Amino acid sequence: PAPTPAEPSPPPQAPTSKAPEPPKAPGPPKAPEPPKAPEPPKAPTSSQAPAPKPSGGLGGGKTGGMTYSPYSNNGQCKDAGTVMMDISTIKQAGFTAIRLYSTDCDGLKNVGDACKAHGLKMIIGVFISETGIGGAGKQVTDITSWAQWELVTLIVVGNESVQSGRTDAGALAGFILSAKATFKSAGYNGMVTTTETVNVWQVSGSTLCSAIDVLGANIHCFFNPDVTADKCGSFVRSQMELLSKICPGKQVFNLETGWPKQGNPNNLAIPGVSQQKEAIESLVKEVGPESIFFSFVDDAWKDPGQFGVEQHWGCIDVFKSM
């Protein structure tokens, strides 16, 4: 990850039945479908308390948090001053936590400093790009060097990495356990997980469950053609109930969810400003404290993607008016 105009990250794109994916840069892109591998060993015991379970949601408020990517409209890195203003806006809209996908663009420092200044917590990530797990190791090192653990409520290793074909479930489970041990040795005693789409958890949960502390999923109702905006929250709730049976005893969090305000219809799922407001209100009501909302502002640096919606998920204005 480089500071200011480092190698811009060609940000995330939303898959077919899922949501947009984080940016690429010194370490972020997508991930692959898993072959089964041996179930990873249990995390080592230690004299320290087990990973804490969050209470009242990831952010402790009416929502779990808001996703944030430090990229400008042309895909370049935002400077520290702009990041500080963005985080202030997120705070003023009622959020208590942000989700950061990777460590590029000096994200840990700039976003971390802004979160500290404005009293927000962070869900931080290790992004697995097309370089695979081998290329993601530097982000683990970046995180342990930064080590501002008092700001961190969750570390997410991989974002739809199996779904996007960047790795398989067995390798991902091993990487999560390895990263978790590294974080622990650097003083982090909190939760570690990954996030995938529901279908990947259904196929690969038996391989991944033993490596995670909580189950993370990206659940986007827009990509289900039979769900209207007003039913978004209840649809996501039903998906989370289904996921709760996959890793018994592990809390489920919806780490990316929202609705596009522009683009082409997906049958009954229609993009639009009023539909986005309706969908988000239903999400807040049904699953707000367990959900991270996508995304802070529109992402002009992305390709239009399926249904032409990839650039139009910005939803901070909905929260400002709630």
Protein backbone atom coordinates (compact mmCIF):
# COMPACT_ATOMS: atom_id res chain seq x y z
CA PRO A 1 0.00 0.00 0.00
CA ALA A 2 1.32 3.34 -0.90
CA PRO A 3 0.25 6.71 0.33
CA THR A 4 -1.35 9.30 -1.87
CA PRO A 5 -1.43 8.54 -5.57
CA ALA A 6 0.01 5.09 -5.14
CA GLU A 7 -0.91 2.62 -7.74
CA PRO A 8 -4.67 3.29 -7.70
CA SER A 9 -6.79 0.40 -6.94
CA PRO A 10 -9.20 -0.71 -9.56
CA PRO A 11 -11.89 -1.11 -6.97
CA PRO A 12 -14.36 -3.79 -6.39
CA GLN A 13 -17.03 -5.14 -8.58
CA ALA A 14 -20.20 -6.78 -7.65
CA PRO A 15 -20.60 -10.34 -8.71
CA THR A 16 -23.70 -11.86 -10.08
CA SER A 17 -25.65 -12.70 -7.00
CA LYS A 18 -23.62 -10.68 -4.70
CA ALA A 19 -22.35 -7.26 -4.01
CA PRO A 20 -19.49 -5.22 -5.37
CA GLU A 21 -16.06 -6.24 -4.48
CA PRO A 22 -13.30 -4.13 -3.00
CA PRO A 23 -10.55 -2.47 -4.92
CA LYS A 24 -7.35 -3.83 -6.20
CA ALA A 25 -4.07 -2.40 -5.19
CA PRO A 26 -1.10 -3.58 -3.34
CA GLY A 27 -3.32 -6.28 -2.23
CA PRO A 28 -7.03 -6.30 -3.11
CA PRO A 29 -9.31 -7.97 -5.83
CA LYS A 30 -11.56 -11.01 -5.84
CA ALA A 31 -11.55 -14.71 -4.98
CA PRO A 32 -12.38 -18.40 -6.12
CA GLU A 33 -14.63 -21.40 -5.57
CA PRO A 34 -13.32 -23.98 -3.20
CA PRO A 35 -12.31 -27.53 -3.43
CA LYS A 36 -12.57 -29.28 -0.18
CA ALA A 37 -9.54 -29.61 1.90
CA PRO A 38 -8.83 -31.01 5.29
CA GLU A 39 -10.52 -29.18 8.05
CA PRO A 40 -8.12 -26.72 9.61
CA PRO A 41 -6.87 -27.30 13.11
CA LYS A 42 -8.27 -25.50 16.03
CA ALA A 43 -6.78 -22.21 16.94
CA PRO A 44 -4.08 -22.64 19.52
CA THR A 45 -5.06 -22.31 23.10
CA SER A 46 -3.51 -19.65 25.16
CA SER A 47 -3.79 -18.01 28.49
CA GLN A 48 -5.77 -15.25 26.92
CA ALA A 49 -9.51 -15.09 26.78
CA PRO A 50 -11.22 -16.40 23.66
CA ALA A 51 -12.19 -13.98 20.96
CA PRO A 52 -14.89 -11.72 22.38
CA LYS A 53 -18.38 -11.91 21.01
CA PRO A 54 -19.73 -8.53 19.95
CA SER A 55 -22.66 -7.18 21.85
CA GLY A 56 -25.33 -5.04 20.28
CA GLY A 57 -23.91 -5.43 16.80
CA LEU A 58 -20.50 -4.73 15.33
CA GLY A 59 -20.74 -1.00 15.77
CA GLY A 60 -22.95 -1.01 18.83
CA GLY A 61 -25.66 1.14 17.22
CA LYS A 62 -28.69 0.86 14.96
CA THR A 63 -26.33 -0.33 12.21
CA GLY A 64 -23.17 -2.41 12.30
CA GLY A 65 -21.29 0.11 10.17
CA MET A 66 -20.60 1.56 6.72
CA THR A 67 -18.13 0.33 4.09
CA TYR A 68 -15.40 2.78 3.14
CA SER A 69 -12.85 2.69 0.30
CA PRO A 70 -10.24 5.50 0.17
CA TYR A 71 -10.49 6.04 -3.61
CA SER A 72 -11.45 9.15 -5.52
CA ASN A 73 -13.69 9.07 -8.62
CA ASN A 74 -10.69 8.50 -10.90
CA GLY A 75 -9.48 5.56 -8.82
CA GLN A 76 -6.60 7.45 -7.20
CA CYS A 77 -5.98 7.37 -3.46
CA LYS A 78 -7.71 10.05 -1.38
CA ASP A 79 -5.42 12.18 0.76
CA ALA A 80 -5.55 12.18 4.56
CA GLY A 81 -7.56 15.42 4.73
CA THR A 82 -10.28 14.07 2.45
CA VAL A 83 -10.43 10.81 4.40
CA MET A 84 -10.81 12.78 7.64
CA MET A 85 -13.77 14.70 6.19
CA ASP A 86 -15.39 11.50 4.85
CA ILE A 87 -15.16 9.76 8.22
CA SER A 88 -16.62 12.85 9.89
CA THR A 89 -19.59 12.66 7.48
CA ILE A 90 -20.08 8.96 8.28
CA LYS A 91 -20.01 9.73 12.00
CA GLN A 92 -22.54 12.56 11.61
CA ALA A 93 -24.89 10.19 9.78
CA GLY A 94 -25.08 8.06 12.92
CA PHE A 95 -22.50 5.34 12.29
CA THR A 96 -20.16 4.00 14.94
CA ALA A 97 -17.94 1.78 12.74
CA ILE A 98 -16.54 1.52 9.21
CA ARG A 99 -15.44 -1.48 7.19
CA LEU A 100 -12.14 -1.11 5.29
CA TYR A 101 -11.39 -3.83 2.71
CA SER A 102 -7.61 -3.73 2.51
CA THR A 103 -4.49 -1.86 3.57
CA ASP A 104 -3.68 0.06 0.37
CA CYS A 105 -3.75 3.87 -0.04
CA ASP A 106 -2.32 4.24 3.48
CA GLY A 107 -5.78 3.16 4.60
CA LEU A 108 -4.79 1.88 8.01
CA LYS A 109 -3.04 5.13 8.92
CA ASN A 110 -5.35 7.65 7.27
CA VAL A 111 -8.66 5.92 8.02
CA GLY A 112 -7.37 4.81 11.42
CA ASP A 113 -6.37 8.37 12.38
CA ALA A 114 -9.77 9.65 11.23
CA CYS A 115 -11.66 6.97 13.14
CA LYS A 116 -9.65 7.71 16.26
CA ALA A 117 -10.38 11.44 15.89
CA HIS A 118 -14.11 10.89 15.43
CA GLY A 119 -14.63 7.98 17.81
CA LEU A 120 -15.42 5.23 15.29
CA LYS A 121 -14.41 1.56 15.42
CA MET A 122 -12.92 -0.31 12.45
CA ILE A 123 -13.57 -3.62 10.73
CA ILE A 124 -10.35 -4.10 8.77
CA GLY A 125 -9.56 -6.50 5.95
CA VAL A 126 -6.93 -8.55 4.17
CA PHE A 127 -7.90 -8.53 0.52
CA ILE A 128 -7.01 -11.54 -1.60
CA SER A 129 -6.45 -10.44 -5.19
CA GLU A 130 -5.66 -12.32 -8.38
CA THR A 131 -2.21 -12.90 -6.90
CA GLY A 132 -3.92 -15.24 -4.43
CA ILE A 133 -3.05 -15.93 -0.82
CA GLY A 134 0.67 -15.64 -1.58
CA GLY A 135 0.20 -12.02 -2.56
CA ALA A 136 -1.88 -11.14 0.50
CA GLY A 137 0.76 -11.79 3.15
CA LYS A 138 2.08 -8.24 3.09
CA GLN A 139 -1.30 -6.97 4.27
CA VAL A 140 -1.06 -9.19 7.35
CA THR A 141 2.35 -7.62 8.03
CA ASP A 142 0.94 -4.12 7.42
CA ILE A 143 -1.80 -4.76 9.98
CA THR A 144 0.53 -6.14 12.66
CA SER A 145 2.93 -3.21 12.14
CA TRP A 146 0.06 -0.74 12.51
CA ALA A 147 -1.41 -2.59 15.52
CA GLN A 148 -4.00 -0.03 16.64
CA TRP A 149 -6.03 -2.86 18.15
CA GLU A 150 -8.17 -0.60 20.36
CA LEU A 151 -9.90 0.60 17.17
CA VAL A 152 -10.56 -2.88 15.73
CA THR A 153 -13.74 -4.90 16.33
CA LEU A 154 -13.19 -7.50 13.58
CA ILE A 155 -10.58 -8.55 11.00
CA VAL A 156 -11.94 -9.98 7.74
CA VAL A 157 -9.45 -12.19 5.88
CA GLY A 158 -10.67 -12.40 2.27
CA ASN A 159 -13.73 -10.84 0.64
CA GLU A 160 -15.60 -13.35 -1.54
CA SER A 161 -12.23 -14.93 -2.25
CA VAL A 162 -13.70 -18.37 -2.88
CA GLN A 163 -16.70 -17.02 -4.80
CA SER A 164 -14.43 -15.09 -7.15
CA GLY A 165 -12.07 -18.00 -7.70
CA ARG A 166 -8.99 -16.45 -6.10
CA THR A 167 -8.51 -19.37 -3.72
CA ASP A 168 -10.27 -22.47 -2.42
CA ALA A 169 -11.91 -23.08 0.93
CA GLY A 170 -9.15 -25.29 2.33
CA ALA A 171 -6.39 -22.85 1.50
CA LEU A 172 -8.46 -19.93 2.79
CA ALA A 173 -9.12 -21.71 6.11
CA GLY A 174 -5.39 -22.31 6.53
CA PHE A 175 -4.59 -18.69 5.73
CA ILE A 176 -7.18 -17.42 8.22
CA LEU A 177 -5.68 -19.58 10.99
CA SER A 178 -2.16 -18.47 10.13
CA ALA A 179 -3.15 -14.78 10.00
CA LYS A 180 -5.09 -15.14 13.25
CA ALA A 181 -2.02 -16.55 15.01
CA THR A 182 0.10 -13.68 13.65
CA PHE A 183 -2.42 -11.07 14.83
CA LYS A 184 -2.63 -12.72 18.25
CA SER A 185 1.14 -12.74 18.68
CA ALA A 186 1.09 -9.00 17.87
CA GLY A 187 -1.43 -8.36 20.66
CA TYR A 188 -4.83 -8.71 18.97
CA ASN A 189 -7.35 -10.80 20.91
CA GLY A 190 -10.47 -9.94 18.94
CA MET A 191 -12.52 -11.69 16.29
CA VAL A 192 -11.28 -12.89 12.89
CA THR A 193 -13.43 -14.17 10.02
CA THR A 194 -13.81 -14.15 6.25
CA THR A 195 -16.84 -13.16 4.19
CA GLU A 196 -18.44 -15.05 1.32
CA THR A 197 -21.78 -15.29 -0.44
CA VAL A 198 -24.45 -17.58 0.99
CA ASN A 199 -23.94 -20.26 -1.68
CA VAL A 200 -20.24 -20.58 -0.82
CA TRP A 201 -21.03 -21.01 2.87
CA GLN A 202 -23.53 -23.73 1.99
CA VAL A 203 -20.92 -25.65 0.02
CA SER A 204 -17.80 -24.92 2.07
CA GLY A 205 -18.98 -24.19 5.59
CA SER A 206 -17.65 -27.50 6.88
CA THR A 207 -14.16 -26.46 5.78
CA LEU A 208 -14.32 -22.84 6.92
CA CYS A 209 -16.27 -22.97 10.20
CA SER A 210 -13.39 -24.13 12.39
CA ALA A 211 -11.17 -21.26 11.20
CA ILE A 212 -13.53 -18.37 12.02
CA ASP A 213 -14.85 -16.74 15.19
CA VAL A 214 -18.06 -15.38 13.62
CA LEU A 215 -19.63 -16.07 10.22
CA GLY A 216 -19.39 -13.21 7.74
CA ALA A 217 -21.49 -13.03 4.56
CA ASN A 218 -22.16 -10.42 1.88
CA ILE A 219 -25.92 -10.54 1.34
CA HIS A 220 -27.35 -8.38 -1.44
CA CYS A 221 -31.06 -8.75 -2.01
CA PHE A 222 -30.93 -6.80 -5.31
CA PHE A 223 -29.30 -9.76 -7.04
CA ASN A 224 -32.28 -11.96 -6.20
CA PRO A 225 -34.75 -11.17 -9.02
CA ASP A 226 -37.81 -11.98 -6.90
CA VAL A 227 -37.14 -9.53 -4.07
CA THR A 228 -38.65 -6.04 -4.17
CA ALA A 229 -36.98 -3.19 -2.30
CA ASP A 230 -39.49 -3.19 0.57
CA LYS A 231 -38.83 -6.91 1.23
CA CYS A 232 -35.04 -6.54 1.27
CA GLY A 233 -34.70 -6.63 5.06
CA SER A 234 -36.88 -9.70 5.55
CA PHE A 235 -35.07 -11.51 2.73
CA VAL A 236 -31.68 -10.81 4.32
CA ARG A 237 -32.99 -11.88 7.72
CA SER A 238 -34.07 -15.24 6.24
CA GLN A 239 -30.63 -15.71 4.67
CA MET A 240 -28.95 -14.99 7.99
CA GLU A 241 -31.17 -17.54 9.72
CA LEU A 242 -30.14 -20.10 7.12
CA LEU A 243 -26.46 -19.23 7.69
CA SER A 244 -26.83 -19.59 11.47
CA LYS A 245 -27.28 -23.33 10.97
CA ILE A 246 -24.04 -23.72 8.99
CA CYS A 247 -21.57 -22.91 11.80
CA PRO A 248 -23.66 -23.67 14.92
CA GLY A 249 -22.90 -21.39 17.84
CA LYS A 250 -21.18 -18.74 15.72
CA GLN A 251 -22.85 -15.38 15.31
CA VAL A 252 -23.73 -14.32 11.75
CA PHE A 253 -22.90 -10.86 10.40
CA ASN A 254 -23.97 -9.38 7.08
CA LEU A 255 -20.74 -7.61 6.12
CA GLU A 256 -21.96 -5.94 2.93
CA THR A 257 -25.52 -5.00 2.02
CA GLY A 258 -27.42 -2.22 0.28
CA TRP A 259 -29.38 -1.33 -2.86
CA PRO A 260 -28.37 0.54 -6.06
CA LYS A 261 -30.01 3.86 -6.87
CA GLN A 262 -29.41 3.71 -10.62
CA GLY A 263 -29.08 1.02 -13.32
CA ASN A 264 -31.27 -1.59 -14.99
CA PRO A 265 -33.95 -3.71 -13.29
CA ASN A 266 -33.27 -7.29 -12.20
CA ASN A 267 -36.88 -8.40 -12.69
CA LEU A 268 -38.68 -7.27 -9.48
CA ALA A 269 -35.51 -5.71 -8.06
CA ILE A 270 -35.56 -2.18 -9.47
CA PRO A 271 -32.73 0.33 -8.91
CA GLY A 272 -33.75 3.86 -7.96
CA VAL A 273 -33.43 6.58 -5.35
CA SER A 274 -36.79 5.86 -3.72
CA GLN A 275 -36.21 2.08 -3.93
CA GLN A 276 -32.80 2.46 -2.28
CA LYS A 277 -34.36 4.39 0.59
CA GLU A 278 -37.10 1.79 0.97
CA ALA A 279 -34.61 -1.11 0.90
CA ILE A 280 -32.25 0.48 3.40
CA GLU A 281 -35.06 1.35 5.80
CA SER A 282 -36.18 -2.28 5.72
CA LEU A 283 -32.59 -3.48 6.26
CA VAL A 284 -32.07 -1.17 9.23
CA LYS A 285 -35.34 -2.35 10.75
CA GLU A 286 -34.74 -6.09 10.24
CA VAL A 287 -30.97 -6.56 10.47
CA GLY A 288 -29.41 -3.15 11.12
CA PRO A 289 -27.09 -3.89 14.08
CA GLU A 290 -25.73 -7.02 12.34
CA SER A 291 -25.16 -5.36 8.96
CA ILE A 292 -22.48 -3.26 7.26
CA PHE A 293 -24.00 -0.95 4.65
CA PHE A 294 -22.57 -0.61 1.15
CA SER A 295 -21.42 1.95 0.23
CA PHE A 296 -20.49 5.40 1.55
CA VAL A 297 -20.64 7.17 -1.84
CA ASP A 298 -20.98 6.10 -5.48
CA ASP A 299 -17.90 4.46 -6.98
CA ALA A 300 -17.34 6.16 -10.33
CA TRP A 301 -14.05 4.32 -10.73
CA LYS A 302 -15.78 0.97 -11.20
CA ASP A 303 -17.00 -0.59 -14.42
CA PRO A 304 -20.81 -0.47 -14.74
CA GLY A 305 -21.03 -4.25 -14.27
CA GLN A 306 -24.13 -6.42 -14.38
CA PHE A 307 -27.35 -4.40 -14.68
CA GLY A 308 -25.19 -1.25 -14.89
CA VAL A 309 -25.42 -0.82 -11.11
CA GLU A 310 -21.83 -1.14 -9.88
CA GLN A 311 -21.14 2.57 -9.65
CA HIS A 312 -24.37 3.50 -7.88
CA TRP A 313 -24.52 2.03 -4.37
CA GLY A 314 -23.63 5.21 -2.45
CA CYS A 315 -26.16 5.52 0.37
CA ILE A 316 -24.86 8.03 2.92
CA ASP A 317 -27.61 10.50 1.92
CA VAL A 318 -30.29 7.98 2.92
CA PHE A 319 -28.81 7.78 6.41
CA LYS A 320 -28.43 11.54 6.67
CA SER A 321 -32.18 11.88 6.12
CA MET A 322 -33.25 9.08 8.48
